Amino acid sequence: MIARDKKLHFIVGTGTSVFVYGALYWLGFTTPATEAFLAAVAAGACKELWDFLSGKGTPELADFWYTIAGGALGVIIGVSVVVNFAL
């Protein structure tokens, strides 16, 4: 069973990349997939860095990877919406 924390990292990674993909597409970027994915990577890295520096959390490489995996799914969702609905 996947821990609740890992599920939350996955959800945040997905949400981050979907939001960034949609926002950049709306602003006129024609292929914002890379930027959206990198936004999720940055969010995961910043969260784990915050955990490490603040001492208020436990920095884990697995958390970072779950955020990245969610980011990849978010990009797939963003591309699928644009392609399938010809936005």
Protein backbone atom coordinates (compact mmCIF):
# COMPACT_ATOMS: atom_id res chain seq x y z
CA MET A 1 0.00 0.00 0.00
CA ILE A 2 1.28 3.45 -0.89
CA ALA A 3 1.68 5.81 2.06
CA ARG A 4 -0.65 8.82 2.29
CA ASP A 5 2.34 11.17 2.08
CA LYS A 6 3.44 9.68 -1.24
CA LYS A 7 -0.09 10.00 -2.65
CA LEU A 8 -0.14 13.67 -1.66
CA HIS A 9 3.20 14.28 -3.36
CA PHE A 10 1.84 12.61 -6.51
CA ILE A 11 -1.33 14.72 -6.41
CA VAL A 12 0.59 17.96 -5.90
CA GLY A 13 2.97 17.10 -8.74
CA THR A 14 0.02 16.40 -11.03
CA GLY A 15 -1.82 19.54 -10.01
CA THR A 16 1.27 21.71 -10.40
CA SER A 17 2.03 20.56 -13.92
CA VAL A 18 -1.61 20.68 -15.06
CA PHE A 19 -1.96 24.22 -13.71
CA VAL A 20 1.30 25.44 -15.25
CA TYR A 21 0.54 23.71 -18.56
CA GLY A 22 -2.91 25.30 -18.73
CA ALA A 23 -1.72 28.74 -17.65
CA LEU A 24 1.15 28.83 -20.14
CA TYR A 25 -1.04 27.51 -22.95
CA TRP A 26 -3.61 30.18 -22.16
CA LEU A 27 -0.84 32.79 -22.27
CA GLY A 28 0.09 31.72 -25.78
CA PHE A 29 2.81 29.11 -25.35
CA THR A 30 2.20 26.43 -27.97
CA THR A 31 4.18 23.62 -26.32
CA PRO A 32 4.48 24.22 -22.56
CA ALA A 33 5.10 20.56 -21.67
CA THR A 34 8.73 21.04 -20.64
CA GLU A 35 7.97 24.09 -18.52
CA ALA A 36 5.06 22.33 -16.83
CA PHE A 37 7.15 19.28 -16.01
CA LEU A 38 10.02 21.41 -14.71
CA ALA A 39 7.58 23.29 -12.49
CA ALA A 40 6.64 20.00 -10.81
CA VAL A 41 10.32 19.06 -10.48
CA ALA A 42 11.05 22.45 -8.90
CA ALA A 43 8.08 22.10 -6.53
CA GLY A 44 9.29 18.68 -5.39
CA ALA A 45 12.87 19.85 -4.97
CA CYS A 46 11.83 22.95 -3.04
CA LYS A 47 9.61 20.93 -0.71
CA GLU A 48 12.35 18.46 0.11
CA LEU A 49 14.88 21.27 0.55
CA TRP A 50 12.42 22.99 2.90
CA ASP A 51 12.06 19.76 4.91
CA PHE A 52 15.85 19.50 5.15
CA LEU A 53 16.58 23.11 6.07
CA SER A 54 13.65 23.74 8.41
CA GLY A 55 13.79 20.45 10.24
CA LYS A 56 9.96 20.44 10.20
CA GLY A 57 9.73 17.46 7.89
CA THR A 58 11.62 14.42 6.76
CA PRO A 59 13.33 14.89 3.41
CA GLU A 60 12.95 11.73 1.35
CA LEU A 61 14.09 10.98 -2.16
CA ALA A 62 10.95 8.88 -2.66
CA ASP A 63 8.77 11.96 -2.00
CA PHE A 64 10.68 13.81 -4.70
CA TRP A 65 10.20 10.97 -7.18
CA TYR A 66 6.47 10.74 -6.45
CA THR A 67 6.16 14.47 -7.14
CA ILE A 68 8.02 14.03 -10.43
CA ALA A 69 5.82 11.08 -11.42
CA GLY A 70 2.75 13.20 -10.73
CA GLY A 71 4.26 15.96 -12.83
CA ALA A 72 4.67 13.57 -15.74
CA LEU A 73 1.02 12.54 -15.47
CA GLY A 74 -0.01 16.19 -15.36
CA VAL A 75 1.82 16.87 -18.61
CA ILE A 76 0.11 13.88 -20.22
CA ILE A 77 -3.24 15.25 -19.07
CA GLY A 78 -2.44 18.72 -20.38
CA VAL A 79 -1.34 17.45 -23.78
CA SER A 80 -4.36 15.16 -23.99
CA VAL A 81 -6.80 17.96 -23.27
CA VAL A 82 -5.24 20.27 -25.86
CA VAL A 83 -5.02 17.58 -28.54
CA ASN A 84 -8.43 16.02 -27.97
CA PHE A 85 -10.36 19.25 -27.62
CA ALA A 86 -8.34 21.17 -30.24
CA LEU A 87 -8.01 24.17 -27.96
